Amino acid sequence: MAFKLFPGRICLISDSMRACGMPEGESNLGGQKVYIKGRKATLADGTNLFDCMTTALSMGIPLGEAVKAATWNPAHELGMLDEIGSIRDGKLADFVICDSQMNRQQVYIGGQLL
């Protein structure tokens, strides 16, 4: 419903929580353990922003809208479009390559394959 009420304005975020900016280790989010390693926060089951996006897809959100909600929209709201939010020369180059079924094939952080 939110995607219909606010077209083009939804932001999917996974790291806006108590653990944001904390050192690596364990934190808490609504009674769930959160693990912070590098620039990534996940729940114990590994749930992360990619999972938020694929959940949106499973709810019928079109691929372009779900990707934009996980990338460009949050970067725009943070005023960081020069650094993140899309793949362009001079940006941080954090991105995921998926197959046609949205299975992760490769993950790049700072342009480096993980």
Protein backbone atom coordinates (compact mmCIF):
# COMPACT_ATOMS: atom_id res chain seq x y z
CA MET A 1 0.00 0.00 0.00
CA ALA A 2 2.83 2.41 0.82
CA PHE A 3 4.28 2.05 -2.68
CA LYS A 4 0.88 3.00 -4.12
CA LEU A 5 0.30 5.91 -1.72
CA PHE A 6 3.79 7.38 -2.16
CA PRO A 7 4.98 6.41 -5.66
CA GLY A 8 8.69 6.94 -6.17
CA ARG A 9 9.17 8.07 -2.57
CA ILE A 10 9.65 4.82 -0.61
CA CYS A 11 13.08 4.08 0.88
CA LEU A 12 14.05 0.55 1.86
CA ILE A 13 16.70 0.72 4.56
CA SER A 14 18.38 -1.88 6.70
CA ASP A 15 20.98 0.03 8.69
CA SER A 16 18.93 2.81 10.27
CA MET A 17 18.86 1.26 13.71
CA ARG A 18 20.52 1.43 17.09
CA ALA A 19 23.59 -0.35 15.64
CA CYS A 20 24.20 2.39 13.04
CA GLY A 21 27.74 3.71 13.45
CA MET A 22 28.64 1.13 16.08
CA PRO A 23 31.81 -0.94 15.91
CA GLU A 24 31.74 -4.50 14.66
CA GLY A 25 30.01 -6.93 16.96
CA GLU A 26 26.57 -7.73 18.26
CA SER A 27 23.69 -5.31 18.84
CA ASN A 28 19.93 -5.49 19.36
CA LEU A 29 16.96 -4.47 17.20
CA GLY A 30 13.51 -4.94 18.71
CA GLY A 31 14.62 -7.94 20.72
CA GLN A 32 16.48 -9.51 17.78
CA LYS A 33 20.24 -9.92 17.66
CA VAL A 34 21.93 -7.88 14.95
CA TYR A 35 25.46 -8.62 13.76
CA ILE A 36 27.64 -5.80 12.45
CA LYS A 37 30.63 -6.67 10.33
CA GLY A 38 32.35 -4.13 8.11
CA ARG A 39 29.66 -1.90 6.64
CA LYS A 40 26.97 -4.57 6.86
CA ALA A 41 24.33 -5.24 9.53
CA THR A 42 22.34 -8.47 9.40
CA LEU A 43 19.90 -10.32 11.60
CA ALA A 44 20.90 -13.72 12.92
CA ASP A 45 19.28 -15.37 9.90
CA GLY A 46 21.33 -13.16 7.54
CA THR A 47 18.44 -10.85 6.54
CA ASN A 48 19.71 -7.61 4.97
CA LEU A 49 18.69 -4.86 2.52
CA PHE A 50 18.77 -7.25 -0.45
CA ASP A 51 16.22 -9.37 1.39
CA CYS A 52 14.04 -6.29 2.00
CA MET A 53 14.10 -5.61 -1.74
CA THR A 54 13.26 -9.20 -2.72
CA THR A 55 10.42 -9.19 -0.16
CA ALA A 56 9.04 -6.09 -1.89
CA LEU A 57 9.28 -7.96 -5.21
CA SER A 58 7.41 -10.93 -3.73
CA MET A 59 4.62 -8.52 -2.74
CA GLY A 60 4.18 -7.43 -6.36
CA ILE A 61 6.32 -4.29 -6.37
CA PRO A 62 7.82 -3.90 -9.88
CA LEU A 63 11.57 -4.58 -10.09
CA GLY A 64 12.47 -1.00 -11.06
CA GLU A 65 10.54 0.46 -8.13
CA ALA A 66 12.02 -2.01 -5.63
CA VAL A 67 15.59 -1.36 -6.83
CA LYS A 68 15.05 2.40 -6.77
CA ALA A 69 13.62 2.16 -3.23
CA ALA A 70 16.76 0.35 -2.09
CA THR A 71 19.29 2.52 -3.94
CA TRP A 72 18.50 5.88 -5.53
CA ASN A 73 15.71 7.02 -3.16
CA PRO A 74 17.73 6.62 0.07
CA ALA A 75 20.80 8.24 -1.56
CA HIS A 76 18.63 11.15 -2.70
CA GLU A 77 17.11 11.62 0.77
CA LEU A 78 20.59 11.62 2.33
CA GLY A 79 21.90 14.11 -0.24
CA MET A 80 24.52 11.58 -1.33
CA LEU A 81 23.70 11.01 -5.01
CA ASP A 82 27.25 12.06 -5.95
CA GLU A 83 28.60 9.08 -3.99
CA ILE A 84 25.97 6.34 -3.91
CA GLY A 85 22.58 5.33 -5.29
CA SER A 86 23.55 4.36 -8.83
CA ILE A 87 26.47 2.98 -10.81
CA ARG A 88 28.47 5.83 -12.32
CA ASP A 89 32.11 6.90 -12.65
CA GLY A 90 33.40 8.29 -9.36
CA LYS A 91 30.82 6.62 -7.12
CA LEU A 92 31.58 4.05 -4.40
CA ALA A 93 30.72 1.06 -6.60
CA ASP A 94 28.77 -1.02 -4.08
CA PHE A 95 26.45 -3.27 -6.08
CA VAL A 96 25.05 -6.76 -6.54
CA ILE A 97 24.84 -8.74 -9.77
CA CYS A 98 21.83 -11.06 -9.92
CA ASP A 99 20.50 -13.62 -12.35
CA SER A 100 16.99 -13.38 -13.84
CA GLN A 101 15.55 -15.06 -10.71
CA MET A 102 17.15 -12.46 -8.39
CA ASN A 103 19.73 -14.91 -7.04
CA ARG A 104 22.91 -13.09 -6.05
CA GLN A 105 25.75 -13.99 -8.38
CA GLN A 106 28.39 -11.43 -7.33
CA VAL A 107 28.67 -8.71 -4.68
CA TYR A 108 30.98 -5.70 -5.04
CA ILE A 109 31.91 -3.30 -2.25
CA GLY A 110 34.00 -0.31 -3.26
CA GLY A 111 34.39 -1.89 -6.69
CA GLN A 112 35.99 -5.00 -5.19
CA LEU A 113 34.43 -8.43 -5.65
CA LEU A 114 33.70 -10.06 -2.28
